[in-house]
N, C-alpha and C. Protein backbone atom coordinates (compact mmCIF):
# COMPACT_ATOMS: atom_id res chain seq x y z
N MET A 1 9.83 32.14 11.29
CA MET A 1 8.92 32.56 10.23
C MET A 1 8.71 31.43 9.22
N LYS A 2 9.81 30.75 8.84
CA LYS A 2 9.69 29.65 7.88
C LYS A 2 8.80 28.55 8.42
N LEU A 3 8.92 28.27 9.73
CA LEU A 3 8.10 27.24 10.35
C LEU A 3 6.62 27.60 10.27
N ILE A 4 6.31 28.85 10.51
CA ILE A 4 4.92 29.31 10.45
C ILE A 4 4.37 29.17 9.04
N ILE A 5 5.16 29.54 8.05
CA ILE A 5 4.72 29.41 6.65
C ILE A 5 4.47 27.95 6.31
N ARG A 6 5.39 27.07 6.72
CA ARG A 6 5.21 25.64 6.45
C ARG A 6 3.94 25.10 7.11
N LEU A 7 3.70 25.51 8.36
CA LEU A 7 2.49 25.07 9.05
C LEU A 7 1.24 25.55 8.33
N LEU A 8 1.25 26.80 7.86
CA LEU A 8 0.10 27.34 7.15
C LEU A 8 -0.14 26.58 5.84
N VAL A 9 0.93 26.22 5.13
CA VAL A 9 0.79 25.46 3.89
C VAL A 9 0.20 24.09 4.18
N VAL A 10 0.70 23.42 5.21
CA VAL A 10 0.18 22.09 5.58
C VAL A 10 -1.29 22.20 5.97
N MET A 11 -1.62 23.21 6.76
CA MET A 11 -3.01 23.39 7.18
C MET A 11 -3.92 23.67 5.98
N ALA A 12 -3.42 24.39 5.00
CA ALA A 12 -4.22 24.69 3.81
C ALA A 12 -4.44 23.46 2.95
N LEU A 13 -3.43 22.59 2.87
CA LEU A 13 -3.53 21.40 2.02
C LEU A 13 -4.24 20.25 2.69
N LEU A 14 -4.28 20.20 4.01
CA LEU A 14 -4.88 19.09 4.73
C LEU A 14 -6.32 18.82 4.33
N PRO A 15 -7.19 19.82 4.23
CA PRO A 15 -8.56 19.54 3.81
C PRO A 15 -8.63 18.90 2.43
N ILE A 16 -7.76 19.30 1.52
CA ILE A 16 -7.74 18.70 0.17
C ILE A 16 -7.39 17.22 0.28
N HIS A 17 -6.38 16.87 1.08
CA HIS A 17 -5.98 15.48 1.28
C HIS A 17 -7.13 14.67 1.87
N LEU A 18 -7.83 15.23 2.85
CA LEU A 18 -8.93 14.52 3.48
C LEU A 18 -10.08 14.30 2.50
N VAL A 19 -10.37 15.28 1.66
CA VAL A 19 -11.43 15.13 0.67
C VAL A 19 -11.07 14.03 -0.33
N VAL A 20 -9.82 14.01 -0.79
CA VAL A 20 -9.38 12.98 -1.72
C VAL A 20 -9.54 11.61 -1.09
N ASN A 21 -9.11 11.45 0.18
CA ASN A 21 -9.23 10.17 0.85
C ASN A 21 -10.69 9.78 1.04
N ALA A 22 -11.55 10.73 1.39
CA ALA A 22 -12.96 10.42 1.58
C ALA A 22 -13.57 9.95 0.27
N SER A 23 -13.23 10.62 -0.83
CA SER A 23 -13.74 10.23 -2.14
C SER A 23 -13.27 8.83 -2.51
N ALA A 24 -12.01 8.54 -2.26
CA ALA A 24 -11.45 7.23 -2.60
C ALA A 24 -12.09 6.13 -1.77
N THR A 25 -12.27 6.38 -0.48
CA THR A 25 -12.80 5.32 0.37
C THR A 25 -14.28 5.07 0.12
N ASP A 26 -14.96 5.98 -0.56
CA ASP A 26 -16.35 5.73 -0.97
C ASP A 26 -16.39 4.76 -2.15
N GLN A 27 -15.30 4.65 -2.89
CA GLN A 27 -15.26 3.84 -4.11
C GLN A 27 -14.44 2.57 -3.97
N ILE A 28 -13.63 2.49 -2.92
CA ILE A 28 -12.70 1.38 -2.77
C ILE A 28 -12.75 0.87 -1.33
N LEU A 29 -12.82 -0.45 -1.18
CA LEU A 29 -12.78 -1.05 0.15
C LEU A 29 -11.49 -1.85 0.30
N PHE A 30 -10.79 -1.61 1.38
CA PHE A 30 -9.57 -2.34 1.70
C PHE A 30 -9.87 -3.25 2.88
N SER A 31 -9.46 -4.52 2.79
CA SER A 31 -9.69 -5.45 3.90
C SER A 31 -8.53 -6.44 3.99
N HIS A 32 -8.46 -7.11 5.14
CA HIS A 32 -7.43 -8.13 5.39
C HIS A 32 -6.03 -7.60 5.10
N THR A 33 -5.75 -6.39 5.56
CA THR A 33 -4.46 -5.75 5.29
C THR A 33 -3.46 -6.15 6.36
N TRP A 34 -2.32 -6.69 5.91
CA TRP A 34 -1.28 -7.07 6.86
C TRP A 34 0.09 -7.03 6.21
N VAL A 35 1.10 -6.90 7.05
CA VAL A 35 2.50 -6.89 6.63
C VAL A 35 3.22 -8.00 7.38
N LYS A 36 3.98 -8.77 6.65
CA LYS A 36 4.75 -9.86 7.28
C LYS A 36 5.93 -9.25 8.03
N MET A 37 6.07 -9.65 9.28
CA MET A 37 7.22 -9.21 10.08
C MET A 37 8.49 -9.73 9.41
N PRO A 38 9.50 -8.89 9.27
CA PRO A 38 10.73 -9.37 8.63
C PRO A 38 11.44 -10.40 9.51
N MET A 39 12.14 -11.32 8.86
CA MET A 39 12.95 -12.30 9.58
C MET A 39 14.05 -11.53 10.31
N PRO A 40 14.54 -12.06 11.43
CA PRO A 40 15.63 -11.38 12.16
C PRO A 40 16.82 -11.08 11.24
N GLY A 41 17.28 -9.84 11.28
CA GLY A 41 18.42 -9.43 10.48
C GLY A 41 18.09 -9.05 9.04
N MET A 42 16.86 -9.29 8.61
CA MET A 42 16.45 -8.98 7.23
C MET A 42 15.82 -7.59 7.18
N GLN A 43 15.98 -6.92 6.05
CA GLN A 43 15.39 -5.60 5.86
C GLN A 43 14.38 -5.59 4.72
N MET A 44 13.86 -6.78 4.38
CA MET A 44 12.84 -6.87 3.34
C MET A 44 11.63 -7.60 3.90
N SER A 45 10.48 -7.21 3.41
CA SER A 45 9.25 -7.86 3.82
C SER A 45 8.20 -7.64 2.73
N ALA A 46 6.97 -8.01 3.01
CA ALA A 46 5.90 -7.86 2.03
C ALA A 46 4.59 -7.51 2.72
N GLY A 47 3.73 -6.82 1.98
CA GLY A 47 2.42 -6.45 2.48
C GLY A 47 1.33 -7.04 1.59
N TYR A 48 0.20 -7.30 2.21
CA TYR A 48 -0.91 -7.96 1.51
C TYR A 48 -2.23 -7.27 1.87
N VAL A 49 -3.17 -7.34 0.94
CA VAL A 49 -4.46 -6.68 1.16
C VAL A 49 -5.44 -7.16 0.09
N ASP A 50 -6.72 -7.10 0.41
CA ASP A 50 -7.78 -7.29 -0.59
C ASP A 50 -8.33 -5.90 -0.89
N ILE A 51 -8.41 -5.57 -2.18
CA ILE A 51 -8.91 -4.26 -2.61
C ILE A 51 -10.15 -4.48 -3.47
N GLU A 52 -11.26 -3.93 -3.04
CA GLU A 52 -12.51 -4.07 -3.79
C GLU A 52 -12.91 -2.73 -4.40
N ASN A 53 -13.14 -2.73 -5.71
CA ASN A 53 -13.59 -1.54 -6.42
C ASN A 53 -15.11 -1.56 -6.43
N THR A 54 -15.72 -0.74 -5.59
CA THR A 54 -17.18 -0.71 -5.50
C THR A 54 -17.80 0.31 -6.44
N SER A 55 -16.97 1.00 -7.21
CA SER A 55 -17.47 2.04 -8.11
C SER A 55 -17.94 1.43 -9.43
N SER A 56 -18.50 2.28 -10.28
CA SER A 56 -18.94 1.83 -11.60
C SER A 56 -17.88 2.10 -12.67
N ASN A 57 -16.70 2.50 -12.24
CA ASN A 57 -15.59 2.76 -13.16
C ASN A 57 -14.37 1.93 -12.76
N ASP A 58 -13.54 1.60 -13.74
CA ASP A 58 -12.27 0.94 -13.44
C ASP A 58 -11.40 1.91 -12.64
N ILE A 59 -10.57 1.35 -11.77
CA ILE A 59 -9.61 2.17 -11.03
C ILE A 59 -8.22 1.57 -11.28
N LYS A 60 -7.19 2.38 -11.00
CA LYS A 60 -5.83 1.90 -11.20
C LYS A 60 -5.00 2.24 -9.97
N VAL A 61 -4.41 1.20 -9.38
CA VAL A 61 -3.47 1.37 -8.28
C VAL A 61 -2.11 1.62 -8.93
N ILE A 62 -1.51 2.79 -8.66
CA ILE A 62 -0.28 3.13 -9.38
C ILE A 62 0.98 3.14 -8.52
N ALA A 63 0.83 3.17 -7.20
CA ALA A 63 2.01 3.19 -6.34
C ALA A 63 1.62 2.87 -4.91
N VAL A 64 2.64 2.62 -4.11
CA VAL A 64 2.45 2.36 -2.68
C VAL A 64 3.61 2.97 -1.92
N ARG A 65 3.35 3.37 -0.68
CA ARG A 65 4.41 3.87 0.19
C ARG A 65 4.02 3.53 1.63
N THR A 66 5.02 3.58 2.51
CA THR A 66 4.78 3.28 3.91
C THR A 66 5.90 3.87 4.76
N PRO A 67 5.60 4.28 5.98
CA PRO A 67 6.66 4.73 6.88
C PRO A 67 7.47 3.55 7.43
N PHE A 68 7.01 2.32 7.18
CA PHE A 68 7.62 1.10 7.70
C PHE A 68 8.92 0.74 6.96
N SER A 69 9.09 1.26 5.73
CA SER A 69 10.31 0.93 4.97
C SER A 69 10.77 2.13 4.15
N LYS A 70 12.03 2.08 3.73
CA LYS A 70 12.59 3.15 2.91
C LYS A 70 12.00 3.15 1.51
N MET A 71 11.64 1.97 1.02
CA MET A 71 11.13 1.85 -0.34
C MET A 71 10.00 0.81 -0.38
N ALA A 72 8.97 1.10 -1.14
CA ALA A 72 7.86 0.17 -1.31
C ALA A 72 7.47 0.16 -2.79
N GLU A 73 7.20 -1.04 -3.31
CA GLU A 73 6.82 -1.19 -4.72
C GLU A 73 5.69 -2.21 -4.84
N LEU A 74 4.91 -2.04 -5.90
CA LEU A 74 3.91 -3.04 -6.27
C LEU A 74 4.64 -4.14 -7.05
N HIS A 75 4.43 -5.40 -6.69
CA HIS A 75 5.13 -6.51 -7.34
C HIS A 75 4.18 -7.59 -7.81
N ASP A 76 4.54 -8.20 -8.94
CA ASP A 76 3.85 -9.37 -9.50
C ASP A 76 4.79 -10.55 -9.41
N MET A 77 4.22 -11.74 -9.42
CA MET A 77 5.00 -12.98 -9.54
C MET A 77 4.68 -13.53 -10.93
N VAL A 78 5.72 -13.84 -11.71
CA VAL A 78 5.52 -14.37 -13.07
C VAL A 78 6.40 -15.60 -13.27
N MET A 79 5.93 -16.51 -14.11
CA MET A 79 6.68 -17.71 -14.43
C MET A 79 7.58 -17.42 -15.64
N VAL A 80 8.89 -17.63 -15.49
CA VAL A 80 9.87 -17.44 -16.56
C VAL A 80 10.72 -18.70 -16.64
N ASN A 81 10.63 -19.40 -17.78
CA ASN A 81 11.39 -20.64 -17.96
C ASN A 81 11.18 -21.61 -16.79
N LYS A 82 9.93 -21.78 -16.41
CA LYS A 82 9.54 -22.69 -15.33
C LYS A 82 10.08 -22.29 -13.96
N VAL A 83 10.46 -21.02 -13.83
CA VAL A 83 10.93 -20.49 -12.55
C VAL A 83 10.08 -19.26 -12.20
N MET A 84 9.54 -19.26 -10.98
CA MET A 84 8.74 -18.12 -10.53
C MET A 84 9.67 -16.96 -10.19
N GLN A 85 9.37 -15.79 -10.78
CA GLN A 85 10.19 -14.59 -10.54
C GLN A 85 9.30 -13.43 -10.12
N MET A 86 9.90 -12.57 -9.31
CA MET A 86 9.21 -11.38 -8.85
C MET A 86 9.54 -10.22 -9.79
N ARG A 87 8.53 -9.42 -10.13
CA ARG A 87 8.73 -8.28 -11.02
C ARG A 87 8.01 -7.05 -10.46
N HIS A 88 8.67 -5.91 -10.60
CA HIS A 88 8.05 -4.64 -10.23
C HIS A 88 6.91 -4.36 -11.19
N ALA A 89 5.73 -4.12 -10.68
CA ALA A 89 4.56 -3.80 -11.51
C ALA A 89 4.56 -2.29 -11.76
N SER A 90 5.48 -1.85 -12.60
CA SER A 90 5.70 -0.42 -12.80
C SER A 90 4.49 0.30 -13.40
N ASP A 91 3.63 -0.42 -14.09
CA ASP A 91 2.42 0.19 -14.65
C ASP A 91 1.24 0.14 -13.70
N GLY A 92 1.43 -0.47 -12.53
CA GLY A 92 0.35 -0.59 -11.56
C GLY A 92 -0.63 -1.68 -11.95
N TRP A 93 -1.79 -1.66 -11.31
CA TRP A 93 -2.83 -2.66 -11.54
C TRP A 93 -4.17 -1.99 -11.75
N VAL A 94 -4.89 -2.43 -12.76
CA VAL A 94 -6.26 -1.96 -13.00
C VAL A 94 -7.20 -2.91 -12.28
N ILE A 95 -8.15 -2.35 -11.55
CA ILE A 95 -9.20 -3.14 -10.91
C ILE A 95 -10.50 -2.72 -11.58
N ALA A 96 -11.09 -3.65 -12.32
CA ALA A 96 -12.33 -3.36 -13.06
C ALA A 96 -13.46 -3.01 -12.09
N ALA A 97 -14.40 -2.23 -12.58
CA ALA A 97 -15.56 -1.84 -11.79
C ALA A 97 -16.25 -3.08 -11.23
N GLY A 98 -16.57 -3.04 -9.94
CA GLY A 98 -17.30 -4.12 -9.31
C GLY A 98 -16.48 -5.38 -9.04
N THR A 99 -15.16 -5.33 -9.19
CA THR A 99 -14.33 -6.51 -8.94
C THR A 99 -13.32 -6.22 -7.83
N SER A 100 -12.58 -7.26 -7.47
CA SER A 100 -11.59 -7.16 -6.41
C SER A 100 -10.23 -7.61 -6.89
N LEU A 101 -9.21 -7.19 -6.19
CA LEU A 101 -7.83 -7.62 -6.42
C LEU A 101 -7.28 -8.06 -5.08
N SER A 102 -6.72 -9.28 -5.03
CA SER A 102 -6.12 -9.78 -3.80
C SER A 102 -4.60 -9.77 -3.92
N LEU A 103 -3.96 -9.14 -2.98
CA LEU A 103 -2.51 -9.22 -2.85
C LEU A 103 -2.27 -10.26 -1.78
N ALA A 104 -1.61 -11.36 -2.16
CA ALA A 104 -1.47 -12.50 -1.25
C ALA A 104 -0.11 -13.17 -1.43
N PRO A 105 0.37 -13.89 -0.41
CA PRO A 105 1.64 -14.60 -0.54
C PRO A 105 1.65 -15.49 -1.79
N GLY A 106 2.76 -15.43 -2.53
CA GLY A 106 2.90 -16.22 -3.75
C GLY A 106 2.33 -15.53 -4.98
N GLY A 107 1.76 -14.34 -4.82
CA GLY A 107 1.17 -13.62 -5.95
C GLY A 107 1.50 -12.15 -5.88
N LYS A 108 0.58 -11.34 -6.35
CA LYS A 108 0.78 -9.89 -6.29
C LYS A 108 0.96 -9.49 -4.82
N HIS A 109 1.84 -8.51 -4.59
CA HIS A 109 2.09 -8.08 -3.22
C HIS A 109 2.76 -6.71 -3.21
N VAL A 110 2.87 -6.14 -2.04
CA VAL A 110 3.63 -4.92 -1.83
C VAL A 110 5.01 -5.36 -1.33
N MET A 111 6.05 -5.01 -2.06
CA MET A 111 7.42 -5.34 -1.66
C MET A 111 7.98 -4.20 -0.84
N LEU A 112 8.46 -4.51 0.35
CA LEU A 112 9.00 -3.50 1.26
C LEU A 112 10.50 -3.72 1.40
N MET A 113 11.27 -2.71 1.06
CA MET A 113 12.73 -2.80 1.09
C MET A 113 13.29 -1.73 2.00
N GLY A 114 14.30 -2.11 2.78
CA GLY A 114 14.85 -1.17 3.75
C GLY A 114 13.92 -1.00 4.93
N VAL A 115 13.39 -2.13 5.42
CA VAL A 115 12.46 -2.08 6.55
C VAL A 115 13.15 -1.44 7.74
N LYS A 116 12.43 -0.53 8.38
CA LYS A 116 12.97 0.20 9.52
C LYS A 116 12.81 -0.63 10.80
N LEU A 117 13.62 -0.32 11.80
CA LEU A 117 13.53 -1.03 13.07
C LEU A 117 12.16 -0.84 13.69
N LEU A 118 11.64 -1.90 14.24
CA LEU A 118 10.33 -1.85 14.89
C LEU A 118 10.45 -1.32 16.31
N GLU A 119 9.42 -0.63 16.73
CA GLU A 119 9.33 -0.27 18.13
C GLU A 119 8.94 -1.54 18.87
N SER A 120 9.33 -1.68 20.12
CA SER A 120 9.14 -2.93 20.85
C SER A 120 7.69 -3.39 20.92
N ASN A 121 6.76 -2.49 20.98
CA ASN A 121 5.34 -2.87 21.09
C ASN A 121 4.56 -2.61 19.81
N GLN A 122 5.23 -2.39 18.70
CA GLN A 122 4.55 -2.06 17.44
C GLN A 122 3.82 -3.28 16.89
N SER A 123 2.53 -3.13 16.63
CA SER A 123 1.73 -4.23 16.09
C SER A 123 1.01 -3.83 14.80
N GLU A 124 1.24 -2.60 14.36
CA GLU A 124 0.55 -2.10 13.17
C GLU A 124 1.42 -1.07 12.46
N THR A 125 1.20 -0.93 11.17
CA THR A 125 1.84 0.12 10.38
C THR A 125 0.79 0.65 9.40
N ILE A 126 1.21 1.47 8.48
CA ILE A 126 0.30 2.05 7.48
C ILE A 126 0.85 1.71 6.09
N LEU A 127 -0.02 1.26 5.21
CA LEU A 127 0.29 1.16 3.78
C LEU A 127 -0.55 2.24 3.10
N GLU A 128 0.09 3.05 2.26
CA GLU A 128 -0.63 4.09 1.52
C GLU A 128 -0.61 3.72 0.04
N PHE A 129 -1.79 3.64 -0.56
CA PHE A 129 -1.92 3.29 -1.97
C PHE A 129 -2.30 4.53 -2.76
N ASN A 130 -1.62 4.75 -3.88
CA ASN A 130 -1.94 5.87 -4.76
C ASN A 130 -2.89 5.35 -5.84
N ILE A 131 -4.10 5.87 -5.83
CA ILE A 131 -5.13 5.47 -6.79
C ILE A 131 -5.23 6.58 -7.84
N GLU A 132 -5.00 6.21 -9.09
CA GLU A 132 -4.98 7.20 -10.16
C GLU A 132 -6.26 8.03 -10.16
N GLY A 133 -6.09 9.34 -10.14
CA GLY A 133 -7.21 10.27 -10.16
C GLY A 133 -7.85 10.52 -8.80
N LEU A 134 -7.50 9.71 -7.80
CA LEU A 134 -8.09 9.86 -6.47
C LEU A 134 -7.07 10.25 -5.41
N GLY A 135 -5.80 9.90 -5.63
CA GLY A 135 -4.76 10.26 -4.68
C GLY A 135 -4.41 9.13 -3.74
N TRP A 136 -3.73 9.50 -2.66
CA TRP A 136 -3.22 8.53 -1.69
C TRP A 136 -4.28 8.15 -0.68
N VAL A 137 -4.37 6.86 -0.39
CA VAL A 137 -5.30 6.35 0.61
C VAL A 137 -4.50 5.57 1.65
N ALA A 138 -4.58 5.99 2.90
CA ALA A 138 -3.86 5.34 4.00
C ALA A 138 -4.70 4.19 4.54
N VAL A 139 -4.06 3.02 4.67
CA VAL A 139 -4.75 1.82 5.14
C VAL A 139 -3.94 1.21 6.30
N PRO A 140 -4.55 1.05 7.48
CA PRO A 140 -3.83 0.40 8.58
C PRO A 140 -3.55 -1.06 8.22
N ALA A 141 -2.34 -1.53 8.60
CA ALA A 141 -1.95 -2.91 8.31
C ALA A 141 -1.37 -3.55 9.57
N ALA A 142 -1.92 -4.70 9.95
CA ALA A 142 -1.41 -5.42 11.10
C ALA A 142 -0.06 -6.03 10.76
N LEU A 143 0.85 -6.06 11.72
CA LEU A 143 2.13 -6.73 11.56
C LEU A 143 1.97 -8.16 12.06
N LYS A 144 2.24 -9.13 11.19
CA LYS A 144 2.03 -10.54 11.52
C LYS A 144 3.30 -11.34 11.24
N VAL A 145 3.52 -12.39 12.04
CA VAL A 145 4.66 -13.28 11.81
C VAL A 145 4.42 -14.12 10.57
N SER A 146 3.19 -14.55 10.36
CA SER A 146 2.84 -15.32 9.17
C SER A 146 1.41 -15.00 8.78
N MET A 147 0.97 -15.64 7.70
CA MET A 147 -0.37 -15.36 7.17
C MET A 147 -1.44 -15.56 8.25
N PRO A 148 -2.30 -14.55 8.42
CA PRO A 148 -3.36 -14.66 9.44
C PRO A 148 -4.42 -15.68 9.07
C-alpha cells in the first residue's frame, strides 16, 4: 500500500517538474557541458558548462546536484595574498538578462566531492542546476579526461 501511495505522489508531481523544466529551458541555454573524469583513486572532480540567460530578466543559479557524486557545490576561484583559492559560492551566481556565464577550468566551476564509481562504459552523467524561481534543470554532461 505504501508503495502505491508513493507512486501516486510521484506521478502527481511529475507534470509539475516537467513544466518547471520546460519553463526554465525556454529562458536558459546550457552548452559545452562536461565533467572531468577523476584521477585514479581520487573522489573529487569538477564540472563545467556555459549558461546563457536568454530571458529579459536576471536569473540566479543557486545550487547544483548530480547522481555522479555524493556532494556538489558551486565554486569560485579567488586570489588571496597572491594565492589562488577555491571558495564555495554559497550565494550562487546571478546571470544578467541577455548575458552568459562560463564555468571553466581555473575559474567558476561545479565541485564534485565523493565521486561514485563509474560504470565501465559510462560516458555521460547529469548535472542538475537549481535556478531561483524556476526549479531544477537537468543537463547532460559528457565525461572527459581533459578539456574538450
